[in-house]
């Protein structure tokens, strides 16, 4: 059984707009995480803070693995001070003037020993909220 999380969402926005939301650091701050810097370039490393259920701060450490402009963005995802390594992939598919986004977060089982904030169910809930609610609301107003 795979512990990967996959979320798909069809947005009423063109691919270019969704791609910008995923790759422009200023736009990312509006709906995603407060990243200090981001460049959709292979090898670019970035980090950001996130909170656990009880307010714990987790530092996310990421490195861009693959970029196919307006089609695919992939980066590693791990946590400072915790074991585990995963890969997050965003894939975009144009459907007329709409965009289908497919998010896949693979390797989550490597975080299992780190507690409930790192459980697959936590990632599932988080990604569904981010993709189905936060990003959608951002794209509607942007």
N, C-alpha and C. Protein backbone atom coordinates (compact mmCIF):
# COMPACT_ATOMS: atom_id res chain seq x y z
N UNK A 1 0.84 -1.19 0.00
CA UNK A 1 0.00 0.00 0.00
C UNK A 1 0.88 1.25 0.00
N UNK A 2 0.56 2.18 -0.86
CA UNK A 2 1.33 3.41 -0.96
C UNK A 2 0.91 4.40 0.12
N UNK A 3 1.88 5.07 0.69
CA UNK A 3 1.60 6.14 1.65
C UNK A 3 1.67 7.50 0.99
N UNK A 4 1.70 7.52 -0.33
CA UNK A 4 1.73 8.79 -1.05
C UNK A 4 0.39 9.50 -0.89
N UNK A 5 0.44 10.81 -0.89
CA UNK A 5 -0.78 11.62 -0.91
C UNK A 5 -0.89 12.22 -2.30
N UNK A 6 -2.06 12.07 -2.90
CA UNK A 6 -2.33 12.66 -4.21
C UNK A 6 -3.62 13.47 -4.11
N UNK A 7 -3.55 14.70 -4.59
CA UNK A 7 -4.72 15.58 -4.61
C UNK A 7 -4.81 16.16 -6.02
N UNK A 8 -6.00 16.08 -6.62
CA UNK A 8 -6.22 16.66 -7.93
C UNK A 8 -7.33 17.71 -7.82
N UNK A 9 -7.14 18.81 -8.54
CA UNK A 9 -8.14 19.88 -8.52
C UNK A 9 -8.15 20.58 -9.86
N UNK A 10 -9.34 20.83 -10.38
CA UNK A 10 -9.51 21.58 -11.62
C UNK A 10 -9.83 23.02 -11.26
N UNK A 11 -8.97 23.94 -11.70
CA UNK A 11 -9.14 25.36 -11.41
C UNK A 11 -9.69 26.09 -12.63
N UNK A 12 -10.50 27.08 -12.38
CA UNK A 12 -11.02 27.93 -13.44
C UNK A 12 -10.01 29.05 -13.70
N UNK A 13 -8.82 28.65 -14.13
CA UNK A 13 -7.72 29.59 -14.37
C UNK A 13 -6.78 28.95 -15.39
N UNK A 14 -6.15 29.78 -16.23
CA UNK A 14 -5.21 29.22 -17.20
C UNK A 14 -3.93 28.71 -16.53
N UNK A 15 -3.23 27.83 -17.24
CA UNK A 15 -2.00 27.23 -16.72
C UNK A 15 -1.01 28.30 -16.26
N UNK A 16 -0.86 29.37 -17.05
CA UNK A 16 0.12 30.41 -16.72
C UNK A 16 -0.14 31.00 -15.34
N UNK A 17 -1.39 31.20 -15.01
CA UNK A 17 -1.77 31.80 -13.72
C UNK A 17 -1.48 30.83 -12.57
N UNK A 18 -1.81 29.56 -12.76
CA UNK A 18 -1.55 28.56 -11.72
C UNK A 18 -0.04 28.39 -11.55
N UNK A 19 0.70 28.34 -12.64
CA UNK A 19 2.16 28.20 -12.57
C UNK A 19 2.78 29.35 -11.77
N UNK A 20 2.32 30.58 -12.03
CA UNK A 20 2.84 31.73 -11.28
C UNK A 20 2.55 31.57 -9.79
N UNK A 21 1.36 31.11 -9.45
CA UNK A 21 1.01 30.92 -8.04
C UNK A 21 1.93 29.90 -7.37
N UNK A 22 2.38 28.91 -8.14
CA UNK A 22 3.25 27.86 -7.60
C UNK A 22 4.73 28.26 -7.55
N UNK A 23 5.12 29.26 -8.34
CA UNK A 23 6.55 29.52 -8.51
C UNK A 23 7.00 30.95 -8.19
N UNK A 24 6.09 31.88 -8.02
CA UNK A 24 6.46 33.26 -7.69
C UNK A 24 6.41 33.42 -6.17
N UNK A 25 7.55 33.77 -5.57
CA UNK A 25 7.63 33.80 -4.10
C UNK A 25 6.60 34.74 -3.48
N UNK A 26 6.30 35.86 -4.14
CA UNK A 26 5.31 36.78 -3.60
C UNK A 26 3.91 36.19 -3.65
N UNK A 27 3.60 35.51 -4.74
CA UNK A 27 2.29 34.85 -4.83
C UNK A 27 2.21 33.66 -3.87
N UNK A 28 3.29 32.91 -3.73
CA UNK A 28 3.30 31.76 -2.82
C UNK A 28 2.96 32.20 -1.40
N UNK A 29 3.46 33.34 -0.99
CA UNK A 29 3.20 33.84 0.38
C UNK A 29 1.72 34.12 0.62
N UNK A 30 0.98 34.38 -0.46
CA UNK A 30 -0.44 34.70 -0.32
C UNK A 30 -1.31 33.48 0.00
N UNK A 31 -0.88 32.28 -0.41
CA UNK A 31 -1.76 31.12 -0.25
C UNK A 31 -1.04 29.89 0.32
N UNK A 32 0.28 29.88 0.29
CA UNK A 32 1.04 28.67 0.59
C UNK A 32 1.78 28.87 1.91
N UNK A 33 3.07 29.00 1.87
CA UNK A 33 3.88 29.24 3.05
C UNK A 33 4.69 30.51 2.85
N UNK A 34 5.17 31.07 3.94
CA UNK A 34 5.96 32.29 3.87
C UNK A 34 7.41 31.94 3.53
N UNK A 35 7.68 31.77 2.26
CA UNK A 35 9.04 31.45 1.82
C UNK A 35 9.84 32.74 1.67
N UNK A 36 11.08 32.73 2.15
CA UNK A 36 11.93 33.90 2.01
C UNK A 36 12.31 34.13 0.56
N UNK A 37 12.59 33.04 -0.13
CA UNK A 37 13.00 33.14 -1.52
C UNK A 37 12.64 31.84 -2.23
N UNK A 38 12.36 31.95 -3.50
CA UNK A 38 12.07 30.76 -4.30
C UNK A 38 12.38 31.07 -5.75
N UNK A 39 13.00 30.12 -6.41
CA UNK A 39 13.23 30.20 -7.85
C UNK A 39 12.94 28.83 -8.44
N UNK A 40 12.15 28.78 -9.50
CA UNK A 40 11.88 27.49 -10.13
C UNK A 40 13.06 27.06 -11.00
N UNK A 41 14.17 26.77 -10.31
CA UNK A 41 15.41 26.35 -10.98
C UNK A 41 15.93 25.10 -10.29
N UNK A 42 16.30 24.10 -11.09
CA UNK A 42 16.83 22.87 -10.51
C UNK A 42 18.04 23.19 -9.64
N UNK A 43 18.05 22.60 -8.45
CA UNK A 43 19.14 22.81 -7.50
C UNK A 43 18.89 23.94 -6.52
N UNK A 44 17.87 24.78 -6.75
CA UNK A 44 17.60 25.89 -5.83
C UNK A 44 17.09 25.34 -4.50
N UNK A 45 17.70 25.79 -3.41
CA UNK A 45 17.30 25.35 -2.07
C UNK A 45 16.55 26.46 -1.36
N UNK A 46 15.50 26.08 -0.64
CA UNK A 46 14.72 27.06 0.11
C UNK A 46 14.17 26.40 1.37
N UNK A 47 13.74 27.23 2.29
CA UNK A 47 13.18 26.71 3.53
C UNK A 47 12.05 27.63 3.98
N UNK A 48 11.23 27.10 4.86
CA UNK A 48 10.14 27.88 5.43
C UNK A 48 9.68 27.19 6.72
N UNK A 49 9.04 27.97 7.57
CA UNK A 49 8.52 27.44 8.82
C UNK A 49 7.05 27.06 8.66
N UNK A 50 6.67 26.00 9.35
CA UNK A 50 5.28 25.57 9.39
C UNK A 50 4.95 25.18 10.81
N UNK A 51 3.67 25.12 11.13
CA UNK A 51 3.27 24.79 12.49
C UNK A 51 2.58 23.45 12.58
N UNK A 52 2.86 22.77 13.69
CA UNK A 52 2.16 21.53 14.01
C UNK A 52 0.82 21.82 14.67
N UNK A 53 0.12 20.80 15.03
CA UNK A 53 -1.22 20.95 15.61
C UNK A 53 -1.22 21.70 16.94
N UNK A 54 -0.14 21.56 17.69
CA UNK A 54 -0.07 22.21 19.01
C UNK A 54 0.80 23.46 18.98
N UNK A 55 1.06 23.96 17.77
CA UNK A 55 1.83 25.18 17.64
C UNK A 55 3.33 24.98 17.51
N UNK A 56 3.79 23.73 17.45
CA UNK A 56 5.21 23.47 17.27
C UNK A 56 5.66 24.05 15.94
N UNK A 57 6.89 24.56 15.90
CA UNK A 57 7.42 25.08 14.64
C UNK A 57 8.31 24.01 14.01
N UNK A 58 8.06 23.75 12.74
CA UNK A 58 8.86 22.80 11.98
C UNK A 58 9.49 23.56 10.81
N UNK A 59 10.80 23.44 10.67
CA UNK A 59 11.49 24.08 9.56
C UNK A 59 11.55 23.09 8.40
N UNK A 60 10.94 23.45 7.30
CA UNK A 60 10.92 22.63 6.09
C UNK A 60 12.15 22.98 5.26
N UNK A 61 12.87 21.97 4.83
CA UNK A 61 14.06 22.15 3.99
C UNK A 61 13.77 21.52 2.64
N UNK A 62 13.86 22.31 1.57
CA UNK A 62 13.47 21.84 0.25
C UNK A 62 14.53 22.18 -0.79
N UNK A 63 14.60 21.35 -1.82
CA UNK A 63 15.51 21.58 -2.94
C UNK A 63 14.80 21.21 -4.22
N UNK A 64 14.80 22.14 -5.18
CA UNK A 64 14.12 21.91 -6.45
C UNK A 64 14.85 20.81 -7.22
N UNK A 65 14.10 19.80 -7.64
CA UNK A 65 14.64 18.65 -8.35
C UNK A 65 14.41 18.75 -9.86
N UNK A 66 13.18 19.13 -10.24
CA UNK A 66 12.84 19.16 -11.66
C UNK A 66 11.87 20.31 -11.95
N UNK A 67 12.11 20.98 -13.07
CA UNK A 67 11.23 22.06 -13.51
C UNK A 67 10.97 21.89 -15.00
N UNK A 68 9.71 21.78 -15.36
CA UNK A 68 9.28 21.85 -16.75
C UNK A 68 8.26 22.98 -16.76
N UNK A 69 8.67 24.18 -17.22
CA UNK A 69 7.80 25.34 -17.10
C UNK A 69 6.36 25.10 -17.54
N UNK A 70 5.45 25.50 -16.65
CA UNK A 70 4.01 25.41 -16.84
C UNK A 70 3.50 23.98 -16.95
N UNK A 71 4.33 23.01 -16.60
CA UNK A 71 3.91 21.60 -16.63
C UNK A 71 4.23 20.86 -15.33
N UNK A 72 5.45 21.02 -14.81
CA UNK A 72 5.86 20.22 -13.65
C UNK A 72 6.86 20.96 -12.78
N UNK A 73 6.63 20.88 -11.47
CA UNK A 73 7.56 21.40 -10.47
C UNK A 73 7.70 20.33 -9.41
N UNK A 74 8.95 19.97 -9.13
CA UNK A 74 9.20 18.90 -8.15
C UNK A 74 10.33 19.34 -7.22
N UNK A 75 10.11 19.12 -5.91
CA UNK A 75 11.19 19.40 -4.97
C UNK A 75 11.18 18.44 -3.79
N UNK A 76 12.39 18.28 -3.23
CA UNK A 76 12.51 17.46 -2.04
C UNK A 76 11.90 18.21 -0.86
N UNK A 77 11.54 17.44 0.16
CA UNK A 77 10.85 18.00 1.31
C UNK A 77 11.30 17.20 2.53
N UNK A 78 12.00 17.87 3.43
CA UNK A 78 12.39 17.23 4.69
C UNK A 78 12.30 18.27 5.79
N UNK A 79 12.63 17.86 7.02
CA UNK A 79 12.49 18.73 8.17
C UNK A 79 13.79 18.82 8.94
N UNK A 80 14.15 20.04 9.33
CA UNK A 80 15.35 20.26 10.11
C UNK A 80 15.22 19.57 11.46
N UNK A 81 16.20 18.70 11.76
CA UNK A 81 16.23 18.01 13.04
C UNK A 81 15.40 16.74 13.13
N UNK A 82 14.80 16.33 12.01
CA UNK A 82 13.98 15.13 12.00
C UNK A 82 14.41 14.22 10.85
N UNK A 83 14.35 12.90 11.07
CA UNK A 83 14.66 11.99 9.97
C UNK A 83 13.53 11.98 8.94
N UNK A 84 13.88 11.57 7.73
CA UNK A 84 12.89 11.42 6.68
C UNK A 84 13.20 12.28 5.47
N UNK A 85 12.73 11.81 4.33
CA UNK A 85 12.94 12.50 3.06
C UNK A 85 11.77 12.17 2.16
N UNK A 86 11.17 13.20 1.57
CA UNK A 86 10.04 12.99 0.66
C UNK A 86 10.20 13.88 -0.56
N UNK A 87 9.34 13.65 -1.55
CA UNK A 87 9.37 14.42 -2.78
C UNK A 87 7.96 14.90 -3.08
N UNK A 88 7.86 16.21 -3.32
CA UNK A 88 6.58 16.85 -3.64
C UNK A 88 6.58 17.21 -5.12
N UNK A 89 5.52 16.82 -5.83
CA UNK A 89 5.42 17.08 -7.26
C UNK A 89 4.09 17.77 -7.56
N UNK A 90 4.17 18.88 -8.29
CA UNK A 90 3.01 19.56 -8.83
C UNK A 90 3.04 19.34 -10.34
N UNK A 91 1.94 18.83 -10.91
CA UNK A 91 1.83 18.67 -12.35
C UNK A 91 0.62 19.46 -12.82
N UNK A 92 0.78 20.18 -13.93
CA UNK A 92 -0.29 21.01 -14.48
C UNK A 92 -0.69 20.49 -15.85
N UNK A 93 -2.00 20.45 -16.09
CA UNK A 93 -2.55 19.99 -17.35
C UNK A 93 -3.60 21.00 -17.82
N UNK A 94 -3.36 21.60 -18.98
CA UNK A 94 -4.32 22.55 -19.53
C UNK A 94 -5.56 21.81 -20.01
N UNK A 95 -6.71 22.34 -19.64
CA UNK A 95 -7.99 21.81 -20.11
C UNK A 95 -8.80 23.00 -20.60
N UNK A 96 -8.51 23.42 -21.83
CA UNK A 96 -9.12 24.64 -22.36
C UNK A 96 -8.54 25.82 -21.60
N UNK A 97 -9.43 26.66 -21.05
CA UNK A 97 -8.97 27.81 -20.26
C UNK A 97 -8.90 27.48 -18.78
N UNK A 98 -9.01 26.19 -18.45
CA UNK A 98 -8.90 25.73 -17.07
C UNK A 98 -7.61 24.93 -16.90
N UNK A 99 -7.27 24.63 -15.64
CA UNK A 99 -6.05 23.89 -15.35
C UNK A 99 -6.33 22.80 -14.33
N UNK A 100 -5.92 21.60 -14.66
CA UNK A 100 -5.96 20.49 -13.70
C UNK A 100 -4.61 20.43 -13.02
N UNK A 101 -4.61 20.54 -11.71
CA UNK A 101 -3.39 20.40 -10.93
C UNK A 101 -3.41 19.05 -10.24
N UNK A 102 -2.31 18.34 -10.34
CA UNK A 102 -2.15 17.07 -9.64
C UNK A 102 -0.95 17.22 -8.71
N UNK A 103 -1.19 17.12 -7.43
CA UNK A 103 -0.14 17.16 -6.42
C UNK A 103 0.10 15.74 -5.93
N UNK A 104 1.37 15.35 -5.87
CA UNK A 104 1.74 14.05 -5.30
C UNK A 104 2.85 14.29 -4.30
N UNK A 105 2.65 13.81 -3.07
CA UNK A 105 3.69 13.89 -2.05
C UNK A 105 4.08 12.45 -1.71
N UNK A 106 5.26 12.05 -2.16
CA UNK A 106 5.73 10.67 -2.03
C UNK A 106 6.83 10.57 -0.98
N UNK A 107 6.91 9.40 -0.35
CA UNK A 107 7.96 9.14 0.64
C UNK A 107 7.56 9.50 2.06
N UNK A 108 6.29 9.71 2.30
CA UNK A 108 5.83 10.15 3.62
C UNK A 108 6.08 9.12 4.72
N UNK A 109 6.16 7.85 4.34
CA UNK A 109 6.43 6.81 5.34
C UNK A 109 7.76 7.05 6.05
N UNK A 110 8.67 7.79 5.42
CA UNK A 110 9.98 8.04 6.04
C UNK A 110 9.87 8.97 7.25
N UNK A 111 8.73 9.62 7.43
CA UNK A 111 8.52 10.51 8.57
C UNK A 111 7.75 9.85 9.71
N UNK A 112 7.35 8.60 9.55
CA UNK A 112 6.43 7.94 10.48
C UNK A 112 6.88 8.00 11.94
N UNK A 113 8.17 7.87 12.19
CA UNK A 113 8.65 7.85 13.58
C UNK A 113 8.63 9.22 14.25
N UNK A 114 8.30 10.26 13.52
CA UNK A 114 8.38 11.61 14.05
C UNK A 114 7.12 12.08 14.78
N UNK A 115 6.09 11.25 14.86
CA UNK A 115 4.88 11.63 15.59
C UNK A 115 3.71 11.95 14.70
N UNK A 116 2.58 12.28 15.35
CA UNK A 116 1.30 12.42 14.63
C UNK A 116 1.29 13.59 13.64
N UNK A 117 2.05 14.65 13.88
CA UNK A 117 2.09 15.76 12.92
C UNK A 117 2.67 15.31 11.58
N UNK A 118 3.39 14.20 11.58
CA UNK A 118 4.04 13.70 10.36
C UNK A 118 3.32 12.48 9.77
N UNK A 119 2.15 12.16 10.31
CA UNK A 119 1.39 11.01 9.82
C UNK A 119 0.80 11.30 8.44
N UNK A 120 0.60 10.26 7.66
CA UNK A 120 0.03 10.41 6.32
C UNK A 120 -1.31 11.14 6.40
N UNK A 121 -2.11 10.85 7.42
CA UNK A 121 -3.41 11.51 7.56
C UNK A 121 -3.25 13.01 7.73
N UNK A 122 -2.21 13.43 8.43
CA UNK A 122 -1.95 14.86 8.62
C UNK A 122 -1.61 15.52 7.29
N UNK A 123 -0.75 14.88 6.51
CA UNK A 123 -0.40 15.40 5.19
C UNK A 123 -1.63 15.43 4.27
N UNK A 124 -2.44 14.39 4.33
CA UNK A 124 -3.64 14.32 3.49
C UNK A 124 -4.56 15.50 3.80
N UNK A 125 -4.83 15.72 5.07
CA UNK A 125 -5.69 16.84 5.46
C UNK A 125 -5.08 18.18 5.08
N UNK A 126 -3.79 18.33 5.30
CA UNK A 126 -3.12 19.58 4.99
C UNK A 126 -3.13 19.90 3.51
N UNK A 127 -2.76 18.92 2.68
CA UNK A 127 -2.73 19.16 1.24
C UNK A 127 -4.12 19.40 0.67
N UNK A 128 -5.11 18.70 1.18
CA UNK A 128 -6.48 18.94 0.70
C UNK A 128 -6.92 20.36 1.03
N UNK A 129 -6.60 20.84 2.21
CA UNK A 129 -6.94 22.21 2.60
C UNK A 129 -6.21 23.22 1.71
N UNK A 130 -4.92 23.00 1.50
CA UNK A 130 -4.11 23.93 0.71
C UNK A 130 -4.57 23.97 -0.75
N UNK A 131 -4.75 22.81 -1.36
CA UNK A 131 -5.07 22.74 -2.79
C UNK A 131 -6.55 23.05 -3.06
N UNK A 132 -7.44 22.48 -2.27
CA UNK A 132 -8.87 22.62 -2.53
C UNK A 132 -9.49 23.89 -1.96
N UNK A 133 -8.79 24.55 -1.05
CA UNK A 133 -9.37 25.73 -0.42
C UNK A 133 -8.48 26.96 -0.61
N UNK A 134 -7.27 26.92 -0.05
CA UNK A 134 -6.41 28.10 -0.06
C UNK A 134 -5.99 28.53 -1.46
N UNK A 135 -5.51 27.59 -2.27
CA UNK A 135 -5.08 27.95 -3.63
C UNK A 135 -6.27 28.35 -4.48
N UNK A 136 -7.37 27.63 -4.35
CA UNK A 136 -8.55 27.97 -5.14
C UNK A 136 -9.01 29.39 -4.83
N UNK A 137 -9.09 29.75 -3.55
CA UNK A 137 -9.52 31.11 -3.17
C UNK A 137 -8.54 32.14 -3.70
N UNK A 138 -7.25 31.85 -3.64
CA UNK A 138 -6.25 32.77 -4.15
C UNK A 138 -6.44 32.99 -5.66
N UNK A 139 -6.59 31.93 -6.42
CA UNK A 139 -6.73 32.04 -7.86
C UNK A 139 -8.01 32.79 -8.25
N UNK A 140 -9.05 32.65 -7.45
CA UNK A 140 -10.31 33.34 -7.76
C UNK A 140 -10.16 34.85 -7.60
N UNK A 141 -9.35 35.29 -6.64
CA UNK A 141 -9.22 36.73 -6.40
C UNK A 141 -8.03 37.34 -7.13
N UNK A 142 -7.05 36.51 -7.52
CA UNK A 142 -5.82 37.05 -8.13
C UNK A 142 -6.06 37.55 -9.54
